[in-house]
């Protein structure tokens, strides 16, 4: 995510094609999505590294509007972050 922040600050980004969701061309919407995604990752890392239990993590993600199979991606994000932090 920090790399994407650098790219958008140093290059004119005209189109964002996310891994999920709709593509967007509006620069303000691109920045908004980038900021929201970075905040999501930071908050998720903070929750996991702070020892949040599964119930608290579930309550945390319920504030997000996941559509369809996107929730599964969230659980994959948890697994990746736990692996990065050496938490099993």
N, C-alpha and C. Protein backbone atom coordinates (compact mmCIF):
# COMPACT_ATOMS: atom_id res chain seq x y z
N UNK A 1 0.82 -1.19 0.00
CA UNK A 1 0.00 0.00 0.00
C UNK A 1 0.87 1.26 0.00
N UNK A 2 1.98 1.24 0.70
CA UNK A 2 2.83 2.41 0.71
C UNK A 2 3.41 2.67 -0.67
N UNK A 3 3.67 1.60 -1.40
CA UNK A 3 4.16 1.76 -2.76
C UNK A 3 3.10 2.43 -3.63
N UNK A 4 1.84 2.05 -3.45
CA UNK A 4 0.78 2.68 -4.24
C UNK A 4 0.65 4.15 -3.87
N UNK A 5 0.87 4.48 -2.61
CA UNK A 5 0.83 5.87 -2.18
C UNK A 5 1.93 6.67 -2.89
N UNK A 6 3.13 6.12 -2.95
CA UNK A 6 4.24 6.78 -3.63
C UNK A 6 3.92 6.97 -5.11
N UNK A 7 3.37 5.95 -5.72
CA UNK A 7 3.04 6.03 -7.15
C UNK A 7 2.04 7.15 -7.41
N UNK A 8 0.98 7.22 -6.60
CA UNK A 8 -0.04 8.25 -6.84
C UNK A 8 0.46 9.65 -6.54
N UNK A 9 1.47 9.76 -5.69
CA UNK A 9 2.03 11.08 -5.38
C UNK A 9 3.04 11.52 -6.44
N UNK A 10 3.63 10.57 -7.16
CA UNK A 10 4.69 10.90 -8.10
C UNK A 10 4.34 10.70 -9.57
N UNK A 11 3.17 10.18 -9.84
CA UNK A 11 2.74 9.92 -11.21
C UNK A 11 1.26 10.24 -11.36
N UNK A 12 0.87 10.72 -12.53
CA UNK A 12 -0.57 10.95 -12.74
C UNK A 12 -1.29 9.62 -12.98
N UNK A 13 -2.11 9.23 -12.03
CA UNK A 13 -2.86 7.98 -12.15
C UNK A 13 -4.23 8.33 -12.72
N UNK A 14 -4.55 7.75 -13.85
CA UNK A 14 -5.80 8.09 -14.53
C UNK A 14 -6.87 7.01 -14.39
N UNK A 15 -6.47 5.82 -13.94
CA UNK A 15 -7.41 4.72 -13.82
C UNK A 15 -6.97 3.77 -12.73
N UNK A 16 -7.88 3.42 -11.84
CA UNK A 16 -7.63 2.42 -10.81
C UNK A 16 -8.51 1.22 -11.12
N UNK A 17 -7.87 0.07 -11.29
CA UNK A 17 -8.60 -1.18 -11.50
C UNK A 17 -8.30 -2.05 -10.29
N UNK A 18 -9.22 -2.08 -9.32
CA UNK A 18 -8.97 -2.83 -8.09
C UNK A 18 -9.13 -4.34 -8.29
N UNK A 19 -8.62 -5.10 -7.35
CA UNK A 19 -8.78 -6.55 -7.39
C UNK A 19 -10.23 -6.94 -7.18
N UNK A 20 -10.99 -6.07 -6.55
CA UNK A 20 -12.43 -6.25 -6.40
C UNK A 20 -13.06 -4.86 -6.41
N UNK A 21 -14.29 -4.78 -6.79
CA UNK A 21 -14.95 -3.48 -6.91
C UNK A 21 -14.85 -2.95 -8.33
N UNK A 22 -15.43 -1.80 -8.52
CA UNK A 22 -15.50 -1.20 -9.84
C UNK A 22 -14.27 -0.34 -10.14
N UNK A 23 -13.81 -0.34 -11.39
CA UNK A 23 -12.74 0.58 -11.78
C UNK A 23 -13.20 2.03 -11.59
N UNK A 24 -12.23 2.92 -11.39
CA UNK A 24 -12.56 4.32 -11.17
C UNK A 24 -11.51 5.20 -11.86
N UNK A 25 -11.97 6.33 -12.39
CA UNK A 25 -11.08 7.29 -13.06
C UNK A 25 -10.92 8.59 -12.29
N UNK A 26 -11.83 8.88 -11.37
CA UNK A 26 -11.80 10.13 -10.63
C UNK A 26 -10.63 10.15 -9.64
N UNK A 27 -9.71 11.13 -9.76
CA UNK A 27 -8.53 11.18 -8.88
C UNK A 27 -8.88 11.24 -7.39
N UNK A 28 -9.94 11.97 -7.03
CA UNK A 28 -10.34 12.04 -5.62
C UNK A 28 -10.83 10.68 -5.12
N UNK A 29 -11.56 9.97 -5.94
CA UNK A 29 -12.05 8.64 -5.55
C UNK A 29 -10.89 7.66 -5.45
N UNK A 30 -9.92 7.78 -6.33
CA UNK A 30 -8.72 6.93 -6.25
C UNK A 30 -8.02 7.15 -4.93
N UNK A 31 -7.81 8.43 -4.55
CA UNK A 31 -7.15 8.74 -3.27
C UNK A 31 -7.98 8.25 -2.08
N UNK A 32 -9.30 8.44 -2.16
CA UNK A 32 -10.18 8.00 -1.06
C UNK A 32 -10.08 6.50 -0.85
N UNK A 33 -10.15 5.75 -1.94
CA UNK A 33 -10.04 4.28 -1.83
C UNK A 33 -8.68 3.88 -1.29
N UNK A 34 -7.65 4.54 -1.78
CA UNK A 34 -6.29 4.21 -1.32
C UNK A 34 -6.17 4.47 0.19
N UNK A 35 -6.65 5.61 0.64
CA UNK A 35 -6.59 5.94 2.07
C UNK A 35 -7.40 4.97 2.91
N UNK A 36 -8.60 4.63 2.45
CA UNK A 36 -9.44 3.68 3.18
C UNK A 36 -8.79 2.30 3.26
N UNK A 37 -8.20 1.86 2.16
CA UNK A 37 -7.56 0.54 2.14
C UNK A 37 -6.35 0.51 3.07
N UNK A 38 -5.56 1.58 3.06
CA UNK A 38 -4.40 1.64 3.94
C UNK A 38 -4.83 1.66 5.40
N UNK A 39 -5.89 2.42 5.71
CA UNK A 39 -6.41 2.46 7.08
C UNK A 39 -6.90 1.07 7.50
N UNK A 40 -7.60 0.37 6.60
CA UNK A 40 -8.08 -0.98 6.89
C UNK A 40 -6.91 -1.90 7.26
N UNK A 41 -5.85 -1.87 6.45
CA UNK A 41 -4.70 -2.74 6.71
C UNK A 41 -4.03 -2.37 8.03
N UNK A 42 -3.84 -1.09 8.27
CA UNK A 42 -3.20 -0.65 9.53
C UNK A 42 -4.03 -1.05 10.74
N UNK A 43 -5.33 -0.83 10.67
CA UNK A 43 -6.21 -1.18 11.79
C UNK A 43 -6.27 -2.69 12.01
N UNK A 44 -6.29 -3.43 10.92
CA UNK A 44 -6.30 -4.89 11.04
C UNK A 44 -5.00 -5.39 11.68
N UNK A 45 -3.86 -4.85 11.22
CA UNK A 45 -2.57 -5.23 11.81
C UNK A 45 -2.53 -4.87 13.30
N UNK A 46 -3.04 -3.69 13.63
CA UNK A 46 -3.06 -3.24 15.02
C UNK A 46 -3.92 -4.17 15.87
N UNK A 47 -5.06 -4.55 15.35
CA UNK A 47 -5.96 -5.45 16.08
C UNK A 47 -5.31 -6.81 16.31
N UNK A 48 -4.68 -7.33 15.26
CA UNK A 48 -4.06 -8.65 15.37
C UNK A 48 -2.85 -8.61 16.28
N UNK A 49 -1.98 -7.62 16.11
CA UNK A 49 -0.77 -7.56 16.94
C UNK A 49 -1.10 -7.23 18.38
N UNK A 50 -2.26 -6.61 18.62
CA UNK A 50 -2.69 -6.31 19.99
C UNK A 50 -3.34 -7.49 20.68
N UNK A 51 -3.39 -8.62 19.98
CA UNK A 51 -3.93 -9.84 20.59
C UNK A 51 -5.44 -9.92 20.58
N UNK A 52 -6.07 -9.20 19.68
CA UNK A 52 -7.53 -9.27 19.61
C UNK A 52 -7.96 -10.71 19.34
N UNK A 53 -8.98 -11.14 20.02
CA UNK A 53 -9.47 -12.50 19.80
C UNK A 53 -10.37 -12.54 18.56
N UNK A 54 -10.76 -13.71 18.16
CA UNK A 54 -11.56 -13.89 16.94
C UNK A 54 -12.87 -13.12 17.00
N UNK A 55 -13.50 -13.08 18.16
CA UNK A 55 -14.76 -12.38 18.29
C UNK A 55 -14.56 -10.88 18.06
N UNK A 56 -13.50 -10.30 18.64
CA UNK A 56 -13.24 -8.88 18.45
C UNK A 56 -12.90 -8.57 16.99
N UNK A 57 -12.15 -9.45 16.34
CA UNK A 57 -11.84 -9.24 14.92
C UNK A 57 -13.11 -9.31 14.08
N UNK A 58 -14.01 -10.20 14.44
CA UNK A 58 -15.28 -10.31 13.72
C UNK A 58 -16.09 -9.03 13.88
N UNK A 59 -16.12 -8.49 15.11
CA UNK A 59 -16.84 -7.23 15.34
C UNK A 59 -16.20 -6.10 14.55
N UNK A 60 -14.88 -6.12 14.47
CA UNK A 60 -14.17 -5.08 13.72
C UNK A 60 -14.55 -5.11 12.24
N UNK A 61 -14.56 -6.29 11.64
CA UNK A 61 -14.85 -6.35 10.20
C UNK A 61 -16.31 -6.10 9.89
N UNK A 62 -17.19 -6.25 10.87
CA UNK A 62 -18.60 -6.02 10.61
C UNK A 62 -18.92 -4.56 10.28
N UNK A 63 -17.97 -3.66 10.55
CA UNK A 63 -18.18 -2.26 10.19
C UNK A 63 -17.99 -2.03 8.69
N UNK A 64 -17.40 -3.00 8.00
CA UNK A 64 -17.17 -2.88 6.56
C UNK A 64 -18.29 -3.57 5.81
N UNK A 65 -18.62 -3.03 4.66
CA UNK A 65 -19.67 -3.59 3.81
C UNK A 65 -19.03 -4.54 2.81
N UNK A 66 -18.85 -5.79 3.20
CA UNK A 66 -18.29 -6.79 2.30
C UNK A 66 -19.40 -7.34 1.43
N UNK A 67 -19.09 -7.50 0.15
CA UNK A 67 -20.09 -8.04 -0.76
C UNK A 67 -19.65 -9.41 -1.24
N UNK A 68 -20.62 -10.30 -1.33
CA UNK A 68 -20.35 -11.63 -1.87
C UNK A 68 -19.17 -12.32 -1.21
N UNK A 69 -18.23 -12.77 -2.04
CA UNK A 69 -17.07 -13.53 -1.56
C UNK A 69 -15.95 -12.67 -1.01
N UNK A 70 -16.16 -11.36 -0.94
CA UNK A 70 -15.10 -10.46 -0.48
C UNK A 70 -14.74 -10.74 0.98
N UNK A 71 -15.73 -11.14 1.79
CA UNK A 71 -15.44 -11.44 3.20
C UNK A 71 -14.37 -12.52 3.31
N UNK A 72 -14.39 -13.49 2.40
CA UNK A 72 -13.36 -14.53 2.40
C UNK A 72 -11.97 -13.91 2.24
N UNK A 73 -11.87 -12.86 1.40
CA UNK A 73 -10.60 -12.17 1.23
C UNK A 73 -10.14 -11.54 2.53
N UNK A 74 -11.08 -11.06 3.32
CA UNK A 74 -10.72 -10.48 4.62
C UNK A 74 -10.06 -11.54 5.50
N UNK A 75 -10.65 -12.73 5.52
CA UNK A 75 -10.06 -13.79 6.35
C UNK A 75 -8.67 -14.18 5.82
N UNK A 76 -8.49 -14.13 4.51
CA UNK A 76 -7.16 -14.36 3.95
C UNK A 76 -6.19 -13.26 4.39
N UNK A 77 -6.67 -12.01 4.45
CA UNK A 77 -5.84 -10.90 4.93
C UNK A 77 -5.39 -11.14 6.37
N UNK A 78 -6.29 -11.63 7.19
CA UNK A 78 -5.94 -11.94 8.58
C UNK A 78 -4.82 -12.98 8.62
N UNK A 79 -4.96 -14.03 7.81
CA UNK A 79 -3.95 -15.09 7.78
C UNK A 79 -2.60 -14.55 7.32
N UNK A 80 -2.59 -13.70 6.31
CA UNK A 80 -1.34 -13.13 5.79
C UNK A 80 -0.67 -12.27 6.86
N UNK A 81 -1.46 -11.43 7.52
CA UNK A 81 -0.90 -10.55 8.54
C UNK A 81 -0.38 -11.35 9.72
N UNK A 82 -1.11 -12.37 10.14
CA UNK A 82 -0.62 -13.22 11.24
C UNK A 82 0.70 -13.89 10.84
N UNK A 83 0.80 -14.34 9.62
CA UNK A 83 2.03 -14.95 9.13
C UNK A 83 3.17 -13.93 9.15
N UNK A 84 2.91 -12.72 8.67
CA UNK A 84 3.93 -11.67 8.67
C UNK A 84 4.39 -11.34 10.08
N UNK A 85 3.48 -11.38 11.04
CA UNK A 85 3.80 -11.04 12.43
C UNK A 85 4.30 -12.25 13.22
N UNK A 86 4.30 -13.43 12.61
CA UNK A 86 4.74 -14.64 13.29
C UNK A 86 3.76 -15.11 14.35
N UNK A 87 2.48 -14.83 14.14
CA UNK A 87 1.43 -15.23 15.07
C UNK A 87 0.68 -16.40 14.45
N UNK A 88 0.51 -17.46 15.21
CA UNK A 88 -0.24 -18.62 14.69
C UNK A 88 -1.52 -18.81 15.41
